[in-house]
Amino acid sequence: MLNIGDKITKLRNINNLTQIELASALHTSNSSISAYETGARIPSIDMVIEISRFFNVSSDYLLGLSDSTAIPLNMGADFCDGVTLSAILNMINSLLLEQKRAFLILLKSVTFYSEMSGIQLDKNRKQ
């Protein structure tokens, strides 16, 4: 199992970043990034949070509590207009197969239109 330093190195390399670039993005020094990666220092809890947000991975992954980089979804969270993610999935699940296919086509077309028109799909931005 990789330790936190190995995981930071792996994520940095996957994203083609130098230690200096990562340090700049995280508002820290490149010597701190180097120390994290070599295991000479362990990042603070605040820095673990910043690193996980920057690379869009779970802090559990960085800390070795999970092998999955995925950030768990809060299924009870308000998705939009008071409707939860769980309710949306239940609605989708209750559709007939042809309706599911039509829904998927619609979803893909909305994403494609957004990309073609230059609309930024920012999952952290609330409308």
C-alpha atoms as a PDB file:
ATOM      1  CA  MET A   1       0.000   0.000   0.000  1.00  0.00           C
ATOM      2  CA  LEU A   2       1.265   3.456  -0.881  1.00  0.00           C
ATOM      3  CA  ASN A   3       1.872   5.947   1.905  1.00  0.00           C
ATOM      4  CA  ILE A   4       0.625   9.538   1.718  1.00  0.00           C
ATOM      5  CA  GLY A   5       3.896  10.781   0.228  1.00  0.00           C
ATOM      6  CA  ASP A   6       3.797   8.164  -2.518  1.00  0.00           C
ATOM      7  CA  LYS A   7       0.190   9.071  -3.280  1.00  0.00           C
ATOM      8  CA  ILE A   8       0.994  12.782  -3.525  1.00  0.00           C
ATOM      9  CA  THR A   9       3.879  11.973  -5.880  1.00  0.00           C
ATOM     10  CA  LYS A  10       1.663   9.696  -7.972  1.00  0.00           C
ATOM     11  CA  LEU A  11      -1.126  12.299  -8.229  1.00  0.00           C
ATOM     12  CA  ARG A  12       1.365  15.062  -9.044  1.00  0.00           C
ATOM     13  CA  ASN A  13       2.964  12.967 -11.799  1.00  0.00           C
ATOM     14  CA  ILE A  14      -0.388  11.899 -13.262  1.00  0.00           C
ATOM     15  CA  ASN A  15      -1.257  15.585 -13.534  1.00  0.00           C
ATOM     16  CA  ASN A  16       2.145  16.459 -15.048  1.00  0.00           C
ATOM     17  CA  LEU A  17       3.018  18.902 -12.291  1.00  0.00           C
ATOM     18  CA  THR A  18       6.390  19.752 -10.834  1.00  0.00           C
ATOM     19  CA  GLN A  19       6.803  20.085  -7.085  1.00  0.00           C
ATOM     20  CA  ILE A  20       7.113  23.835  -7.596  1.00  0.00           C
ATOM     21  CA  GLU A  21       3.822  24.005  -9.533  1.00  0.00           C
ATOM     22  CA  LEU A  22       1.987  21.941  -6.926  1.00  0.00           C
ATOM     23  CA  ALA A  23       3.459  24.026  -4.112  1.00  0.00           C
ATOM     24  CA  SER A  24       2.316  27.203  -5.828  1.00  0.00           C
ATOM     25  CA  ALA A  25      -1.218  25.841  -6.317  1.00  0.00           C
ATOM     26  CA  LEU A  26      -1.395  24.828  -2.645  1.00  0.00           C
ATOM     27  CA  HIS A  27       0.199  28.065  -1.384  1.00  0.00           C
ATOM     28  CA  THR A  28       3.097  26.283   0.267  1.00  0.00           C
ATOM     29  CA  SER A  29       6.804  25.808  -0.435  1.00  0.00           C
ATOM     30  CA  ASN A  30       8.291  23.261  -2.799  1.00  0.00           C
ATOM     31  CA  SER A  31      10.460  22.059   0.104  1.00  0.00           C
ATOM     32  CA  SER A  32       7.243  21.163   1.966  1.00  0.00           C
ATOM     33  CA  ILE A  33       5.971  19.192  -1.043  1.00  0.00           C
ATOM     34  CA  SER A  34       9.335  17.436  -1.275  1.00  0.00           C
ATOM     35  CA  ALA A  35       9.234  16.612   2.453  1.00  0.00           C
ATOM     36  CA  TYR A  36       5.695  15.196   2.131  1.00  0.00           C
ATOM     37  CA  GLU A  37       6.682  13.080  -0.854  1.00  0.00           C
ATOM     38  CA  THR A  38       9.811  11.664   0.771  1.00  0.00           C
ATOM     39  CA  GLY A  39       8.083  11.042   4.090  1.00  0.00           C
ATOM     40  CA  ALA A  40      10.285  13.491   5.963  1.00  0.00           C
ATOM     41  CA  ARG A  41       7.135  15.383   6.996  1.00  0.00           C
ATOM     42  CA  ILE A  42       3.476  14.484   7.238  1.00  0.00           C
ATOM     43  CA  PRO A  43       1.065  17.141   5.945  1.00  0.00           C
ATOM     44  CA  SER A  44      -1.270  18.788   8.439  1.00  0.00           C
ATOM     45  CA  ILE A  45      -4.960  17.939   8.364  1.00  0.00           C
ATOM     46  CA  ASP A  46      -5.641  21.259   6.634  1.00  0.00           C
ATOM     47  CA  MET A  47      -3.040  20.451   3.979  1.00  0.00           C
ATOM     48  CA  VAL A  48      -4.464  16.941   3.450  1.00  0.00           C
ATOM     49  CA  ILE A  49      -7.833  18.591   2.805  1.00  0.00           C
ATOM     50  CA  GLU A  50      -6.264  21.072   0.373  1.00  0.00           C
ATOM     51  CA  ILE A  51      -4.408  18.320  -1.478  1.00  0.00           C
ATOM     52  CA  SER A  52      -7.521  16.154  -1.725  1.00  0.00           C
ATOM     53  CA  ARG A  53      -9.557  19.091  -3.040  1.00  0.00           C
ATOM     54  CA  PHE A  54      -6.870  20.063  -5.527  1.00  0.00           C
ATOM     55  CA  PHE A  55      -6.611  16.553  -6.985  1.00  0.00           C
ATOM     56  CA  ASN A  56     -10.331  15.831  -6.513  1.00  0.00           C
ATOM     57  CA  VAL A  57      -9.703  12.678  -4.481  1.00  0.00           C
ATOM     58  CA  SER A  58     -10.989  11.662  -1.069  1.00  0.00           C
ATOM     59  CA  SER A  59      -8.910  12.399   1.999  1.00  0.00           C
ATOM     60  CA  ASP A  60      -9.509   8.743   2.947  1.00  0.00           C
ATOM     61  CA  TYR A  61      -7.540   7.781  -0.168  1.00  0.00           C
ATOM     62  CA  LEU A  62      -4.633  10.058   0.771  1.00  0.00           C
ATOM     63  CA  LEU A  63      -4.611   8.762   4.349  1.00  0.00           C
ATOM     64  CA  GLY A  64      -4.645   5.120   3.262  1.00  0.00           C
ATOM     65  CA  LEU A  65      -8.125   4.399   4.629  1.00  0.00           C
ATOM     66  CA  SER A  66      -9.459   3.590   1.160  1.00  0.00           C
ATOM     67  CA  ASP A  67      -8.007   2.394  -2.123  1.00  0.00           C
ATOM     68  CA  SER A  68     -10.652   4.375  -3.987  1.00  0.00           C
ATOM     69  CA  THR A  69      -9.926   7.957  -5.014  1.00  0.00           C
ATOM     70  CA  ALA A  70     -13.666   8.654  -5.366  1.00  0.00           C
ATOM     71  CA  ILE A  71     -15.295  11.219  -3.134  1.00  0.00           C
ATOM     72  CA  PRO A  72     -18.461   9.686  -1.673  1.00  0.00           C
ATOM     73  CA  LEU A  73     -21.732  11.346  -2.645  1.00  0.00           C
ATOM     74  CA  ASN A  74     -24.210  12.501  -0.044  1.00  0.00           C
ATOM     75  CA  MET A  75     -27.332  10.864  -1.433  1.00  0.00           C
ATOM     76  CA  GLY A  76     -29.557  12.915   0.872  1.00  0.00           C
ATOM     77  CA  ALA A  77     -28.099  16.208  -0.284  1.00  0.00           C
ATOM     78  CA  ASP A  78     -30.271  18.684  -2.148  1.00  0.00           C
ATOM     79  CA  PHE A  79     -29.456  18.288  -5.831  1.00  0.00           C
ATOM     80  CA  CYS A  80     -31.681  21.088  -7.107  1.00  0.00           C
ATOM     81  CA  ASP A  81     -34.971  22.662  -6.040  1.00  0.00           C
ATOM     82  CA  GLY A  82     -35.299  20.433  -2.968  1.00  0.00           C
ATOM     83  CA  VAL A  83     -34.877  17.151  -4.859  1.00  0.00           C
ATOM     84  CA  THR A  84     -32.204  14.800  -3.477  1.00  0.00           C
ATOM     85  CA  LEU A  85     -29.788  12.657  -5.445  1.00  0.00           C
ATOM     86  CA  SER A  86     -31.455   9.599  -3.973  1.00  0.00           C
ATOM     87  CA  ALA A  87     -34.862  10.739  -5.261  1.00  0.00           C
ATOM     88  CA  ILE A  88     -33.414  11.357  -8.723  1.00  0.00           C
ATOM     89  CA  LEU A  89     -31.868   7.885  -8.834  1.00  0.00           C
ATOM     90  CA  ASN A  90     -35.169   6.374  -7.700  1.00  0.00           C
ATOM     91  CA  MET A  91     -36.972   8.231 -10.502  1.00  0.00           C
ATOM     92  CA  ILE A  92     -34.452   7.028 -13.077  1.00  0.00           C
ATOM     93  CA  ASN A  93     -34.613   3.476 -11.754  1.00  0.00           C
ATOM     94  CA  SER A  94     -38.419   3.429 -12.102  1.00  0.00           C
ATOM     95  CA  LEU A  95     -38.248   4.283 -15.828  1.00  0.00           C
ATOM     96  CA  LEU A  96     -38.842   1.670 -18.484  1.00  0.00           C
ATOM     97  CA  LEU A  97     -35.794   0.607 -20.516  1.00  0.00           C
ATOM     98  CA  GLU A  98     -36.687   2.820 -23.513  1.00  0.00           C
ATOM     99  CA  GLN A  99     -37.281   5.757 -21.180  1.00  0.00           C
ATOM    100  CA  LYS A 100     -33.867   5.159 -19.584  1.00  0.00           C
ATOM    101  CA  ARG A 101     -32.276   5.183 -23.032  1.00  0.00           C
ATOM    102  CA  ALA A 102     -34.064   8.423 -23.906  1.00  0.00           C
ATOM    103  CA  PHE A 103     -32.949   9.952 -20.603  1.00  0.00           C
ATOM    104  CA  LEU A 104     -29.356   8.961 -21.299  1.00  0.00           C
ATOM    105  CA  ILE A 105     -29.519  10.533 -24.770  1.00  0.00           C
ATOM    106  CA  LEU A 106     -30.927  13.717 -23.233  1.00  0.00           C
ATOM    107  CA  LEU A 107     -28.217  13.834 -20.589  1.00  0.00           C
ATOM    108  CA  LYS A 108     -25.472  13.296 -23.175  1.00  0.00           C
ATOM    109  CA  SER A 109     -26.927  16.004 -25.420  1.00  0.00           C
ATOM    110  CA  VAL A 110     -27.033  18.525 -22.555  1.00  0.00           C
ATOM    111  CA  THR A 111     -23.391  17.773 -21.750  1.00  0.00           C
ATOM    112  CA  PHE A 112     -22.402  17.955 -25.430  1.00  0.00           C
ATOM    113  CA  TYR A 113     -24.266  21.269 -25.907  1.00  0.00           C
ATOM    114  CA  SER A 114     -22.562  22.709 -22.840  1.00  0.00           C
ATOM    115  CA  GLU A 115     -19.135  21.692 -24.127  1.00  0.00           C
ATOM    116  CA  MET A 116     -19.790  23.021 -27.638  1.00  0.00           C
ATOM    117  CA  SER A 117     -21.151  26.351 -26.415  1.00  0.00           C
ATOM    118  CA  GLY A 118     -18.268  26.855 -23.995  1.00  0.00           C
ATOM    119  CA  ILE A 119     -20.438  26.682 -20.892  1.00  0.00           C
ATOM    120  CA  GLN A 120     -18.312  25.658 -17.924  1.00  0.00           C
ATOM    121  CA  LEU A 121     -19.808  22.729 -16.048  1.00  0.00           C
ATOM    122  CA  ASP A 122     -18.552  23.482 -12.557  1.00  0.00           C
ATOM    123  CA  LYS A 123     -19.849  20.833 -10.184  1.00  0.00           C
ATOM    124  CA  ASN A 124     -18.984  23.015  -7.174  1.00  0.00           C
ATOM    125  CA  ARG A 125     -20.934  26.048  -8.389  1.00  0.00           C
ATOM    126  CA  LYS A 126     -24.544  26.430  -7.280  1.00  0.00           C
ATOM    127  CA  GLN A 127     -27.055  28.062  -9.556  1.00  0.00           C
END
